[in-house]
Amino acid sequence: MTAYLTEYEIRTSLKTLVKQYLENCKDCDQLSEEFVELIRHTLKAKYANYNKETRTIEIGVKEENNNSFYNDIKSYSYSLEDAEKELGKSFDSSAGKDLHFYGKFINGTTQDPASEVVIIK
């Protein structure tokens, strides 16, 4: 099935979703699987976890290290408010394949190869 979405609709829907995910995070003290998927894609993270003690979201991003055979994973920690801002900035600057992924994410069809999203500018 084909979905037609504007860039504005996608970005607005994502920001609303993030607020809902963060509210759920505060209530349940954990990140939902969908939110982890969104964080990992948006921030190019290898992992995303919620730290109950500090009430922060911790992510790990692969950083290439020319001096080592293996790449290093650098950890970042965001308060819930900072995570919302960081994700919002990423959504605002997204284009191309990212918008298509986000369109499918909003429609709940990221794993369906038959689904298609048409971005209207």
PDB file of N, CA and C in Angstrom:
ATOM      1  N   MET A   1       0.834  -1.170   0.000  1.00  0.00           N
ATOM      2  CA  MET A   1       0.000   0.000   0.000  1.00  0.00           C
ATOM      3  C   MET A   1       0.888   1.247   0.000  1.00  0.00           C
ATOM      4  N   THR A   2       0.480   2.241  -0.715  1.00  0.00           N
ATOM      5  CA  THR A   2       1.254   3.471  -0.834  1.00  0.00           C
ATOM      6  C   THR A   2       0.681   4.542   0.088  1.00  0.00           C
ATOM      7  N   ALA A   3       1.562   5.217   0.805  1.00  0.00           N
ATOM      8  CA  ALA A   3       1.177   6.330   1.674  1.00  0.00           C
ATOM      9  C   ALA A   3       1.784   7.605   1.103  1.00  0.00           C
ATOM     10  N   TYR A   4       1.001   8.667   1.076  1.00  0.00           N
ATOM     11  CA  TYR A   4       1.456   9.964   0.600  1.00  0.00           C
ATOM     12  C   TYR A   4       1.553  10.897   1.802  1.00  0.00           C
ATOM     13  N   LEU A   5       2.758  11.352   2.087  1.00  0.00           N
ATOM     14  CA  LEU A   5       2.995  12.206   3.247  1.00  0.00           C
ATOM     15  C   LEU A   5       3.855  13.399   2.858  1.00  0.00           C
ATOM     16  N   THR A   6       3.576  14.536   3.482  1.00  0.00           N
ATOM     17  CA  THR A   6       4.440  15.695   3.265  1.00  0.00           C
ATOM     18  C   THR A   6       5.597  15.634   4.259  1.00  0.00           C
ATOM     19  N   GLU A   7       6.661  16.350   3.944  1.00  0.00           N
ATOM     20  CA  GLU A   7       7.803  16.414   4.861  1.00  0.00           C
ATOM     21  C   GLU A   7       7.364  16.972   6.211  1.00  0.00           C
ATOM     22  N   TYR A   8       6.492  17.969   6.172  1.00  0.00           N
ATOM     23  CA  TYR A   8       6.001  18.586   7.407  1.00  0.00           C
ATOM     24  C   TYR A   8       5.236  17.571   8.253  1.00  0.00           C
ATOM     25  N   GLU A   9       4.361  16.781   7.610  1.00  0.00           N
ATOM     26  CA  GLU A   9       3.598  15.761   8.341  1.00  0.00           C
ATOM     27  C   GLU A   9       4.521  14.751   9.017  1.00  0.00           C
ATOM     28  N   ILE A  10       5.546  14.334   8.286  1.00  0.00           N
ATOM     29  CA  ILE A  10       6.478  13.348   8.832  1.00  0.00           C
ATOM     30  C   ILE A  10       7.200  13.915  10.046  1.00  0.00           C
ATOM     31  N   ARG A  11       7.745  15.108   9.905  1.00  0.00           N
ATOM     32  CA  ARG A  11       8.514  15.704  11.006  1.00  0.00           C
ATOM     33  C   ARG A  11       7.630  15.984  12.223  1.00  0.00           C
ATOM     34  N   THR A  12       6.433  16.499  11.978  1.00  0.00           N
ATOM     35  CA  THR A  12       5.509  16.790  13.075  1.00  0.00           C
ATOM     36  C   THR A  12       5.077  15.510  13.780  1.00  0.00           C
ATOM     37  N   SER A  13       4.766  14.484  13.008  1.00  0.00           N
ATOM     38  CA  SER A  13       4.358  13.198  13.591  1.00  0.00           C
ATOM     39  C   SER A  13       5.484  12.589  14.415  1.00  0.00           C
ATOM     40  N   LEU A  14       6.710  12.686  13.912  1.00  0.00           N
ATOM     41  CA  LEU A  14       7.851  12.136  14.649  1.00  0.00           C
ATOM     42  C   LEU A  14       8.053  12.846  15.979  1.00  0.00           C
ATOM     43  N   LYS A  15       7.955  14.160  15.966  1.00  0.00           N
ATOM     44  CA  LYS A  15       8.143  14.916  17.209  1.00  0.00           C
ATOM     45  C   LYS A  15       7.053  14.577  18.228  1.00  0.00           C
ATOM     46  N   THR A  16       5.825  14.390  17.743  1.00  0.00           N
ATOM     47  CA  THR A  16       4.729  13.986  18.624  1.00  0.00           C
ATOM     48  C   THR A  16       4.973  12.590  19.180  1.00  0.00           C
ATOM     49  N   LEU A  17       5.423  11.680  18.316  1.00  0.00           N
ATOM     50  CA  LEU A  17       5.734  10.313  18.748  1.00  0.00           C
ATOM     51  C   LEU A  17       6.825  10.299  19.809  1.00  0.00           C
ATOM     52  N   VAL A  18       7.864  11.095  19.603  1.00  0.00           N
ATOM     53  CA  VAL A  18       8.970  11.142  20.563  1.00  0.00           C
ATOM     54  C   VAL A  18       8.460  11.605  21.928  1.00  0.00           C
ATOM     55  N   LYS A  19       7.592  12.610  21.947  1.00  0.00           N
ATOM     56  CA  LYS A  19       7.029  13.071  23.223  1.00  0.00           C
ATOM     57  C   LYS A  19       6.265  11.941  23.912  1.00  0.00           C
ATOM     58  N   GLN A  20       5.496  11.175  23.126  1.00  0.00           N
ATOM     59  CA  GLN A  20       4.750  10.051  23.702  1.00  0.00           C
ATOM     60  C   GLN A  20       5.696   8.969  24.219  1.00  0.00           C
ATOM     61  N   TYR A  21       6.722   8.658  23.431  1.00  0.00           N
ATOM     62  CA  TYR A  21       7.701   7.659  23.859  1.00  0.00           C
ATOM     63  C   TYR A  21       8.391   8.086  25.151  1.00  0.00           C
ATOM     64  N   LEU A  22       8.729   9.366  25.257  1.00  0.00           N
ATOM     65  CA  LEU A  22       9.402   9.858  26.459  1.00  0.00           C
ATOM     66  C   LEU A  22       8.475   9.815  27.677  1.00  0.00           C
ATOM     67  N   GLU A  23       7.198  10.124  27.483  1.00  0.00           N
ATOM     68  CA  GLU A  23       6.235  10.020  28.583  1.00  0.00           C
ATOM     69  C   GLU A  23       6.115   8.572  29.049  1.00  0.00           C
ATOM     70  N   ASN A  24       6.050   7.646  28.090  1.00  0.00           N
ATOM     71  CA  ASN A  24       6.002   6.222  28.436  1.00  0.00           C
ATOM     72  C   ASN A  24       7.274   5.803  29.163  1.00  0.00           C
ATOM     73  N   CYS A  25       8.387   6.366  28.735  1.00  0.00           N
ATOM     74  CA  CYS A  25       9.675   6.056  29.354  1.00  0.00           C
ATOM     75  C   CYS A  25       9.671   6.491  30.817  1.00  0.00           C
ATOM     76  N   LYS A  26       9.124   7.654  31.101  1.00  0.00           N
ATOM     77  CA  LYS A  26       9.048   8.149  32.480  1.00  0.00           C
ATOM     78  C   LYS A  26       8.169   7.238  33.334  1.00  0.00           C
ATOM     79  N   ASP A  27       7.068   6.764  32.744  1.00  0.00           N
ATOM     80  CA  ASP A  27       6.128   5.921  33.487  1.00  0.00           C
ATOM     81  C   ASP A  27       6.647   4.499  33.696  1.00  0.00           C
ATOM     82  N   CYS A  28       7.266   3.928  32.656  1.00  0.00           N
ATOM     83  CA  CYS A  28       7.670   2.510  32.691  1.00  0.00           C
ATOM     84  C   CYS A  28       9.136   2.290  33.041  1.00  0.00           C
ATOM     85  N   ASP A  29       9.924   3.348  33.065  1.00  0.00           N
ATOM     86  CA  ASP A  29      11.366   3.248  33.328  1.00  0.00           C
ATOM     87  C   ASP A  29      12.095   2.363  32.323  1.00  0.00           C
ATOM     88  N   GLN A  30      11.647   2.398  31.067  1.00  0.00           N
ATOM     89  CA  GLN A  30      12.354   1.673  30.010  1.00  0.00           C
ATOM     90  C   GLN A  30      11.988   2.271  28.654  1.00  0.00           C
ATOM     91  N   LEU A  31      12.803   1.962  27.661  1.00  0.00           N
ATOM     92  CA  LEU A  31      12.548   2.403  26.293  1.00  0.00           C
ATOM     93  C   LEU A  31      11.787   1.305  25.559  1.00  0.00           C
ATOM     94  N   SER A  32      10.771   1.692  24.803  1.00  0.00           N
ATOM     95  CA  SER A  32      10.058   0.705  23.993  1.00  0.00           C
ATOM     96  C   SER A  32      10.951   0.280  22.828  1.00  0.00           C
ATOM     97  N   GLU A  33      10.676  -0.882  22.277  1.00  0.00           N
ATOM     98  CA  GLU A  33      11.468  -1.380  21.149  1.00  0.00           C
ATOM     99  C   GLU A  33      11.392  -0.432  19.959  1.00  0.00           C
ATOM    100  N   GLU A  34      10.210   0.138  19.721  1.00  0.00           N
ATOM    101  CA  GLU A  34      10.047   1.071  18.604  1.00  0.00           C
ATOM    102  C   GLU A  34      10.894   2.321  18.810  1.00  0.00           C
ATOM    103  N   PHE A  35      10.935   2.806  20.051  1.00  0.00           N
ATOM    104  CA  PHE A  35      11.715   4.002  20.343  1.00  0.00           C
ATOM    105  C   PHE A  35      13.205   3.720  20.178  1.00  0.00           C
ATOM    106  N   VAL A  36      13.648   2.551  20.608  1.00  0.00           N
ATOM    107  CA  VAL A  36      15.054   2.169  20.425  1.00  0.00           C
ATOM    108  C   VAL A  36      15.385   2.133  18.936  1.00  0.00           C
ATOM    109  N   GLU A  37      14.490   1.568  18.132  1.00  0.00           N
ATOM    110  CA  GLU A  37      14.713   1.514  16.682  1.00  0.00           C
ATOM    111  C   GLU A  37      14.826   2.921  16.100  1.00  0.00           C
ATOM    112  N   LEU A  38      13.946   3.811  16.531  1.00  0.00           N
ATOM    113  CA  LEU A  38      13.970   5.191  16.043  1.00  0.00           C
ATOM    114  C   LEU A  38      15.254   5.908  16.461  1.00  0.00           C
ATOM    115  N   ILE A  39      15.660   5.749  17.703  1.00  0.00           N
ATOM    116  CA  ILE A  39      16.897   6.373  18.190  1.00  0.00           C
ATOM    117  C   ILE A  39      18.099   5.841  17.421  1.00  0.00           C
ATOM    118  N   ARG A  40      18.169   4.527  17.282  1.00  0.00           N
ATOM    119  CA  ARG A  40      19.315   3.919  16.597  1.00  0.00           C
ATOM    120  C   ARG A  40      19.425   4.423  15.163  1.00  0.00           C
ATOM    121  N   HIS A  41      18.303   4.523  14.469  1.00  0.00           N
ATOM    122  CA  HIS A  41      18.352   4.997  13.082  1.00  0.00           C
ATOM    123  C   HIS A  41      18.705   6.485  13.023  1.00  0.00           C
ATOM    124  N   THR A  42      18.044   7.274  13.846  1.00  0.00           N
ATOM    125  CA  THR A  42      18.204   8.726  13.785  1.00  0.00           C
ATOM    126  C   THR A  42      19.597   9.181  14.199  1.00  0.00           C
ATOM    127  N   LEU A  43      20.122   8.614  15.275  1.00  0.00           N
ATOM    128  CA  LEU A  43      21.414   9.051  15.799  1.00  0.00           C
ATOM    129  C   LEU A  43      22.559   8.129  15.391  1.00  0.00           C
ATOM    130  N   LYS A  44      22.269   7.182  14.485  1.00  0.00           N
ATOM    131  CA  LYS A  44      23.284   6.230  13.984  1.00  0.00           C
ATOM    132  C   LYS A  44      23.954   5.495  15.140  1.00  0.00           C
ATOM    133  N   ALA A  45      23.146   5.103  16.107  1.00  0.00           N
ATOM    134  CA  ALA A  45      23.653   4.462  17.323  1.00  0.00           C
ATOM    135  C   ALA A  45      23.687   2.945  17.182  1.00  0.00           C
ATOM    136  N   LYS A  46      24.614   2.334  17.873  1.00  0.00           N
ATOM    137  CA  LYS A  46      24.699   0.876  17.939  1.00  0.00           C
ATOM    138  C   LYS A  46      23.760   0.338  19.011  1.00  0.00           C
ATOM    139  N   TYR A  47      23.550   1.122  20.064  1.00  0.00           N
ATOM    140  CA  TYR A  47      22.621   0.705  21.112  1.00  0.00           C
ATOM    141  C   TYR A  47      21.987   1.936  21.740  1.00  0.00           C
ATOM    142  N   ALA A  48      20.871   1.717  22.401  1.00  0.00           N
ATOM    143  CA  ALA A  48      20.199   2.764  23.169  1.00  0.00           C
ATOM    144  C   ALA A  48      19.577   2.110  24.399  1.00  0.00           C
ATOM    145  N   ASN A  49      19.845   2.673  25.566  1.00  0.00           N
ATOM    146  CA  ASN A  49      19.335   2.150  26.839  1.00  0.00           C
ATOM    147  C   ASN A  49      18.812   3.292  27.691  1.00  0.00           C
ATOM    148  N   TYR A  50      17.930   2.939  28.608  1.00  0.00           N
ATOM    149  CA  TYR A  50      17.447   3.911  29.584  1.00  0.00           C
ATOM    150  C   TYR A  50      18.075   3.602  30.936  1.00  0.00           C
ATOM    151  N   ASN A  51      18.701   4.599  31.545  1.00  0.00           N
ATOM    152  CA  ASN A  51      19.299   4.444  32.867  1.00  0.00           C
ATOM    153  C   ASN A  51      18.299   4.965  33.899  1.00  0.00           C
ATOM    154  N   LYS A  52      17.722   4.047  34.680  1.00  0.00           N
ATOM    155  CA  LYS A  52      16.698   4.410  35.666  1.00  0.00           C
ATOM    156  C   LYS A  52      17.242   5.320  36.761  1.00  0.00           C
ATOM    157  N   GLU A  53      18.473   5.075  37.170  1.00  0.00           N
ATOM    158  CA  GLU A  53      19.049   5.827  38.288  1.00  0.00           C
ATOM    159  C   GLU A  53      19.248   7.299  37.949  1.00  0.00           C
ATOM    160  N   THR A  54      19.765   7.561  36.757  1.00  0.00           N
ATOM    161  CA  THR A  54      20.030   8.948  36.365  1.00  0.00           C
ATOM    162  C   THR A  54      18.922   9.530  35.498  1.00  0.00           C
ATOM    163  N   ARG A  55      17.941   8.686  35.128  1.00  0.00           N
ATOM    164  CA  ARG A  55      16.829   9.089  34.250  1.00  0.00           C
ATOM    165  C   ARG A  55      17.357   9.710  32.957  1.00  0.00           C
ATOM    166  N   THR A  56      18.303   9.001  32.352  1.00  0.00           N
ATOM    167  CA  THR A  56      18.891   9.456  31.091  1.00  0.00           C
ATOM    168  C   THR A  56      18.823   8.339  30.055  1.00  0.00           C
ATOM    169  N   ILE A  57      18.932   8.749  28.806  1.00  0.00           N
ATOM    170  CA  ILE A  57      19.028   7.800  27.705  1.00  0.00           C
ATOM    171  C   ILE A  57      20.490   7.742  27.303  1.00  0.00           C
ATOM    172  N   GLU A  58      21.031   6.539  27.298  1.00  0.00           N
ATOM    173  CA  GLU A  58      22.429   6.340  26.935  1.00  0.00           C
ATOM    174  C   GLU A  58      22.484   5.656  25.578  1.00  0.00           C
ATOM    175  N   ILE A  59      23.309   6.211  24.691  1.00  0.00           N
ATOM    176  CA  ILE A  59      23.472   5.606  23.371  1.00  0.00           C
ATOM    177  C   ILE A  59      24.952   5.370  23.108  1.00  0.00           C
ATOM    178  N   GLY A  60      25.225   4.417  22.257  1.00  0.00           N
ATOM    179  CA  GLY A  60      26.595   4.128  21.851  1.00  0.00           C
ATOM    180  C   GLY A  60      26.729   4.298  20.354  1.00  0.00           C
ATOM    181  N   VAL A  61      27.686   5.105  19.947  1.00  0.00           N
ATOM    182  CA  VAL A  61      27.918   5.391  18.533  1.00  0.00           C
ATOM    183  C   VAL A  61      29.293   4.877  18.147  1.00  0.00           C
ATOM    184  N   LYS A  62      29.342   4.166  17.034  1.00  0.00           N
ATOM    185  CA  LYS A  62      30.610   3.617  16.560  1.00  0.00           C
ATOM    186  C   LYS A  62      31.487   4.748  16.038  1.00  0.00           C
ATOM    187  N   GLU A  63      32.714   4.781  16.521  1.00  0.00           N
ATOM    188  CA  GLU A  63      33.687   5.761  16.045  1.00  0.00           C
ATOM    189  C   GLU A  63      34.888   5.011  15.508  1.00  0.00           C
ATOM    190  N   GLU A  64      35.273   5.366  14.306  1.00  0.00           N
ATOM    191  CA  GLU A  64      36.409   4.685  13.697  1.00  0.00           C
ATOM    192  C   GLU A  64      37.696   5.116  14.371  1.00  0.00           C
ATOM    193  N   ASN A  65      38.547   4.144  14.593  1.00  0.00           N
ATOM    194  CA  ASN A  65      39.823   4.393  15.242  1.00  0.00           C
ATOM    195  C   ASN A  65      40.907   3.811  14.341  1.00  0.00           C
ATOM    196  N   ASN A  66      41.702   4.672  13.743  1.00  0.00           N
ATOM    197  CA  ASN A  66      42.756   4.220  12.829  1.00  0.00           C
ATOM    198  C   ASN A  66      43.880   3.488  13.549  1.00  0.00           C
ATOM    199  N   ASN A  67      44.012   3.686  14.848  1.00  0.00           N
ATOM    200  CA  ASN A  67      45.083   3.050  15.615  1.00  0.00           C
ATOM    201  C   ASN A  67      44.704   1.669  16.138  1.00  0.00           C
ATOM    202  N   SER A  68      43.470   1.261  15.903  1.00  0.00           N
ATOM    203  CA  SER A  68      42.999  -0.002  16.452  1.00  0.00           C
ATOM    204  C   SER A  68      42.389  -0.853  15.344  1.00  0.00           C
ATOM    205  N   PHE A  69      42.461  -2.152  15.526  1.00  0.00           N
ATOM    206  CA  PHE A  69      41.864  -3.072  14.563  1.00  0.00           C
ATOM    207  C   PHE A  69      40.340  -3.000  14.632  1.00  0.00           C
ATOM    208  N   TYR A  70      39.819  -2.704  15.815  1.00  0.00           N
ATOM    209  CA  TYR A  70      38.380  -2.627  16.028  1.00  0.00           C
ATOM    210  C   TYR A  70      37.948  -1.175  16.157  1.00  0.00           C
ATOM    211  N   ASN A  71      36.697  -0.907  15.778  1.00  0.00           N
ATOM    212  CA  ASN A  71      36.133   0.418  15.981  1.00  0.00           C
ATOM    213  C   ASN A  71      35.728   0.575  17.440  1.00  0.00           C
ATOM    214  N   ASP A  72      35.820   1.780  17.932  1.00  0.00           N
ATOM    215  CA  ASP A  72      35.428   2.074  19.303  1.00  0.00           C
ATOM    216  C   ASP A  72      33.959   2.477  19.336  1.00  0.00           C
ATOM    217  N   ILE A  73      33.312   2.178  20.449  1.00  0.00           N
ATOM    218  CA  ILE A  73      31.944   2.627  20.681  1.00  0.00           C
ATOM    219  C   ILE A  73      32.019   3.731  21.730  1.00  0.00           C
ATOM    220  N   LYS A  74      31.592   4.924  21.343  1.00  0.00           N
ATOM    221  CA  LYS A  74      31.595   6.058  22.271  1.00  0.00           C
ATOM    222  C   LYS A  74      30.193   6.204  22.850  1.00  0.00           C
ATOM    223  N   SER A  75      30.114   6.309  24.156  1.00  0.00           N
ATOM    224  CA  SER A  75      28.828   6.433  24.843  1.00  0.00           C
ATOM    225  C   SER A  75      28.469   7.897  25.052  1.00  0.00           C
ATOM    226  N   TYR A  76      27.199   8.187  24.842  1.00  0.00           N
ATOM    227  CA  TYR A  76      26.649   9.516  25.092  1.00  0.00           C
ATOM    228  C   TYR A  76      25.453   9.350  26.010  1.00  0.00           C
ATOM    229  N   SER A  77      25.234  10.330  26.850  1.00  0.00           N
ATOM    230  CA  SER A  77      24.114  10.292  27.780  1.00  0.00           C
ATOM    231  C   SER A  77      23.295  11.569  27.609  1.00  0.00           C
ATOM    232  N   TYR A  78      21.983  11.401  27.453  1.00  0.00           N
ATOM    233  CA  TYR A  78      21.084  12.540  27.261  1.00  0.00           C
ATOM    234  C   TYR A  78      19.991  12.509  28.322  1.00  0.00           C
ATOM    235  N   SER A  79      19.720  13.659  28.911  1.00  0.00           N
ATOM    236  CA  SER A  79      18.524  13.749  29.750  1.00  0.00           C
ATOM    237  C   SER A  79      17.331  13.566  28.808  1.00  0.00           C
ATOM    238  N   LEU A  80      16.163  13.293  29.351  1.00  0.00           N
ATOM    239  CA  LEU A  80      15.001  13.080  28.491  1.00  0.00           C
ATOM    240  C   LEU A  80      14.692  14.327  27.661  1.00  0.00           C
ATOM    241  N   GLU A  81      14.863  15.499  28.256  1.00  0.00           N
ATOM    242  CA  GLU A  81      14.612  16.748  27.534  1.00  0.00           C
ATOM    243  C   GLU A  81      15.641  16.949  26.425  1.00  0.00           C
ATOM    244  N   ASP A  82      16.905  16.667  26.733  1.00  0.00           N
ATOM    245  CA  ASP A  82      17.960  16.813  25.726  1.00  0.00           C
ATOM    246  C   ASP A  82      17.784  15.804  24.594  1.00  0.00           C
ATOM    247  N   ALA A  83      17.322  14.611  24.924  1.00  0.00           N
ATOM    248  CA  ALA A  83      17.088  13.593  23.894  1.00  0.00           C
ATOM    249  C   ALA A  83      16.008  14.068  22.934  1.00  0.00           C
ATOM    250  N   GLU A  84      14.962  14.679  23.477  1.00  0.00           N
ATOM    251  CA  GLU A  84      13.886  15.200  22.626  1.00  0.00           C
ATOM    252  C   GLU A  84      14.421  16.284  21.690  1.00  0.00           C
ATOM    253  N   LYS A  85      15.253  17.181  22.211  1.00  0.00           N
ATOM    254  CA  LYS A  85      15.832  18.249  21.389  1.00  0.00           C
ATOM    255  C   LYS A  85      16.761  17.683  20.317  1.00  0.00           C
ATOM    256  N   GLU A  86      17.612  16.732  20.701  1.00  0.00           N
ATOM    257  CA  GLU A  86      18.578  16.145  19.768  1.00  0.00           C
ATOM    258  C   GLU A  86      17.870  15.408  18.634  1.00  0.00           C
ATOM    259  N   LEU A  87      16.850  14.637  18.974  1.00  0.00           N
ATOM    260  CA  LEU A  87      16.088  13.931  17.946  1.00  0.00           C
ATOM    261  C   LEU A  87      15.352  14.927  17.053  1.00  0.00           C
ATOM    262  N   GLY A  88      14.790  15.976  17.653  1.00  0.00           N
ATOM    263  CA  GLY A  88      14.086  17.000  16.877  1.00  0.00           C
ATOM    264  C   GLY A  88      14.997  17.677  15.867  1.00  0.00           C
ATOM    265  N   LYS A  89      16.231  17.988  16.279  1.00  0.00           N
ATOM    266  CA  LYS A  89      17.195  18.594  15.348  1.00  0.00           C
ATOM    267  C   LYS A  89      17.490  17.650  14.191  1.00  0.00           C
ATOM    268  N   SER A  90      17.630  16.376  14.501  1.00  0.00           N
ATOM    269  CA  SER A  90      17.912  15.389  13.457  1.00  0.00           C
ATOM    270  C   SER A  90      16.735  15.261  12.496  1.00  0.00           C
ATOM    271  N   PHE A  91      15.513  15.286  13.025  1.00  0.00           N
ATOM    272  CA  PHE A  91      14.340  15.197  12.155  1.00  0.00           C
ATOM    273  C   PHE A  91      14.264  16.404  11.230  1.00  0.00           C
ATOM    274  N   ASP A  92      14.558  17.595  11.773  1.00  0.00           N
ATOM    275  CA  ASP A  92      14.475  18.820  10.976  1.00  0.00           C
ATOM    276  C   ASP A  92      15.474  18.834   9.829  1.00  0.00           C
ATOM    277  N   SER A  93      16.610  18.174   9.996  1.00  0.00           N
ATOM    278  CA  SER A  93      17.637  18.197   8.951  1.00  0.00           C
ATOM    279  C   SER A  93      17.616  16.940   8.087  1.00  0.00           C
ATOM    280  N   SER A  94      16.651  16.062   8.295  1.00  0.00           N
ATOM    281  CA  SER A  94      16.622  14.803   7.544  1.00  0.00           C
ATOM    282  C   SER A  94      16.085  15.016   6.131  1.00  0.00           C
ATOM    283  N   ALA A  95      16.538  14.143   5.233  1.00  0.00           N
ATOM    284  CA  ALA A  95      16.104  14.200   3.838  1.00  0.00           C
ATOM    285  C   ALA A  95      16.263  12.814   3.221  1.00  0.00           C
ATOM    286  N   GLY A  96      15.771  12.664   2.007  1.00  0.00           N
ATOM    287  CA  GLY A  96      15.992  11.447   1.228  1.00  0.00           C
ATOM    288  C   GLY A  96      15.548  10.167   1.894  1.00  0.00           C
ATOM    289  N   LYS A  97      16.494   9.229   2.010  1.00  0.00           N
ATOM    290  CA  LYS A  97      16.192   7.899   2.549  1.00  0.00           C
ATOM    291  C   LYS A  97      15.679   7.969   3.983  1.00  0.00           C
ATOM    292  N   ASP A  98      16.198   8.922   4.751  1.00  0.00           N
ATOM    293  CA  ASP A  98      15.730   9.049   6.132  1.00  0.00           C
ATOM    294  C   ASP A  98      14.237   9.372   6.170  1.00  0.00           C
ATOM    295  N   LEU A  99      13.786  10.295   5.314  1.00  0.00           N
ATOM    296  CA  LEU A  99      12.363  10.640   5.297  1.00  0.00           C
ATOM    297  C   LEU A  99      11.515   9.437   4.901  1.00  0.00           C
ATOM    298  N   HIS A 100      12.004   8.642   3.959  1.00  0.00           N
ATOM    299  CA  HIS A 100      11.263   7.435   3.571  1.00  0.00           C
ATOM    300  C   HIS A 100      11.181   6.458   4.743  1.00  0.00           C
ATOM    301  N   PHE A 101      12.294   6.278   5.445  1.00  0.00           N
ATOM    302  CA  PHE A 101      12.283   5.406   6.624  1.00  0.00           C
ATOM    303  C   PHE A 101      11.288   5.934   7.652  1.00  0.00           C
ATOM    304  N   TYR A 102      11.335   7.247   7.928  1.00  0.00           N
ATOM    305  CA  TYR A 102      10.445   7.831   8.922  1.00  0.00           C
ATOM    306  C   TYR A 102       8.983   7.703   8.496  1.00  0.00           C
ATOM    307  N   GLY A 103       8.712   7.882   7.207  1.00  0.00           N
ATOM    308  CA  GLY A 103       7.346   7.703   6.705  1.00  0.00           C
ATOM    309  C   GLY A 103       6.855   6.286   6.945  1.00  0.00           C
ATOM    310  N   LYS A 104       7.709   5.310   6.657  1.00  0.00           N
ATOM    311  CA  LYS A 104       7.349   3.909   6.915  1.00  0.00           C
ATOM    312  C   LYS A 104       7.220   3.654   8.419  1.00  0.00           C
ATOM    313  N   PHE A 105       8.087   4.274   9.192  1.00  0.00           N
ATOM    314  CA  PHE A 105       8.043   4.105  10.650  1.00  0.00           C
ATOM    315  C   PHE A 105       6.708   4.604  11.199  1.00  0.00           C
ATOM    316  N   ILE A 106       6.283   5.773  10.759  1.00  0.00           N
ATOM    317  CA  ILE A 106       5.018   6.352  11.213  1.00  0.00           C
ATOM    318  C   ILE A 106       3.853   5.441  10.848  1.00  0.00           C
ATOM    319  N   ASN A 107       3.909   4.857   9.653  1.00  0.00           N
ATOM    320  CA  ASN A 107       2.837   3.968   9.199  1.00  0.00           C
ATOM    321  C   ASN A 107       2.959   2.561   9.757  1.00  0.00           C
ATOM    322  N   GLY A 108       4.044   2.286  10.478  1.00  0.00           N
ATOM    323  CA  GLY A 108       4.237   0.959  11.051  1.00  0.00           C
ATOM    324  C   GLY A 108       4.571  -0.102  10.024  1.00  0.00           C
ATOM    325  N   THR A 109       5.224   0.309   8.930  1.00  0.00           N
ATOM    326  CA  THR A 109       5.512  -0.637   7.845  1.00  0.00           C
ATOM    327  C   THR A 109       6.995  -0.708   7.512  1.00  0.00           C
ATOM    328  N   THR A 110       7.863  -0.535   8.494  1.00  0.00           N
ATOM    329  CA  THR A 110       9.305  -0.553   8.210  1.00  0.00           C
ATOM    330  C   THR A 110       9.777  -1.908   7.723  1.00  0.00           C
ATOM    331  N   GLN A 111       9.113  -2.980   8.128  1.00  0.00           N
ATOM    332  CA  GLN A 111       9.544  -4.329   7.746  1.00  0.00           C
ATOM    333  C   GLN A 111       8.803  -4.860   6.523  1.00  0.00           C
ATOM    334  N   ASP A 112       7.849  -4.103   5.982  1.00  0.00           N
ATOM    335  CA  ASP A 112       7.045  -4.564   4.851  1.00  0.00           C
ATOM    336  C   ASP A 112       7.649  -4.068   3.543  1.00  0.00           C
ATOM    337  N   PRO A 113       8.259  -4.956   2.759  1.00  0.00           N
ATOM    338  CA  PRO A 113       8.884  -4.521   1.508  1.00  0.00           C
ATOM    339  C   PRO A 113       7.874  -4.067   0.455  1.00  0.00           C
ATOM    340  N   ALA A 114       6.618  -4.470   0.599  1.00  0.00           N
ATOM    341  CA  ALA A 114       5.602  -4.094  -0.380  1.00  0.00           C
ATOM    342  C   ALA A 114       5.052  -2.692  -0.132  1.00  0.00           C
ATOM    343  N   SER A 115       5.279  -2.146   1.057  1.00  0.00           N
ATOM    344  CA  SER A 115       4.761  -0.812   1.355  1.00  0.00           C
ATOM    345  C   SER A 115       5.659   0.248   0.729  1.00  0.00           C
ATOM    346  N   GLU A 116       5.040   1.346   0.382  1.00  0.00           N
ATOM    347  CA  GLU A 116       5.780   2.437  -0.253  1.00  0.00           C
ATOM    348  C   GLU A 116       5.320   3.758   0.347  1.00  0.00           C
ATOM    349  N   VAL A 117       6.255   4.685   0.464  1.00  0.00           N
ATOM    350  CA  VAL A 117       5.941   6.021   0.952  1.00  0.00           C
ATOM    351  C   VAL A 117       6.368   7.018  -0.111  1.00  0.00           C
ATOM    352  N   VAL A 118       5.437   7.890  -0.480  1.00  0.00           N
ATOM    353  CA  VAL A 118       5.737   8.955  -1.431  1.00  0.00           C
ATOM    354  C   VAL A 118       5.783  10.253  -0.639  1.00  0.00           C
ATOM    355  N   ILE A 119       6.924  10.936  -0.732  1.00  0.00           N
ATOM    356  CA  ILE A 119       7.129  12.185  -0.002  1.00  0.00           C
ATOM    357  C   ILE A 119       6.712  13.348  -0.891  1.00  0.00           C
ATOM    358  N   ILE A 120       5.779  14.147  -0.387  1.00  0.00           N
ATOM    359  CA  ILE A 120       5.316  15.331  -1.102  1.00  0.00           C
ATOM    360  C   ILE A 120       6.008  16.532  -0.488  1.00  0.00           C
ATOM    361  N   LYS A 121       6.634  17.332  -1.315  1.00  0.00           N
ATOM    362  CA  LYS A 121       7.376  18.492  -0.790  1.00  0.00           C
ATOM    363  C   LYS A 121       6.501  19.688  -0.605  1.00  0.00           C
TER     364      LYS A 121
END
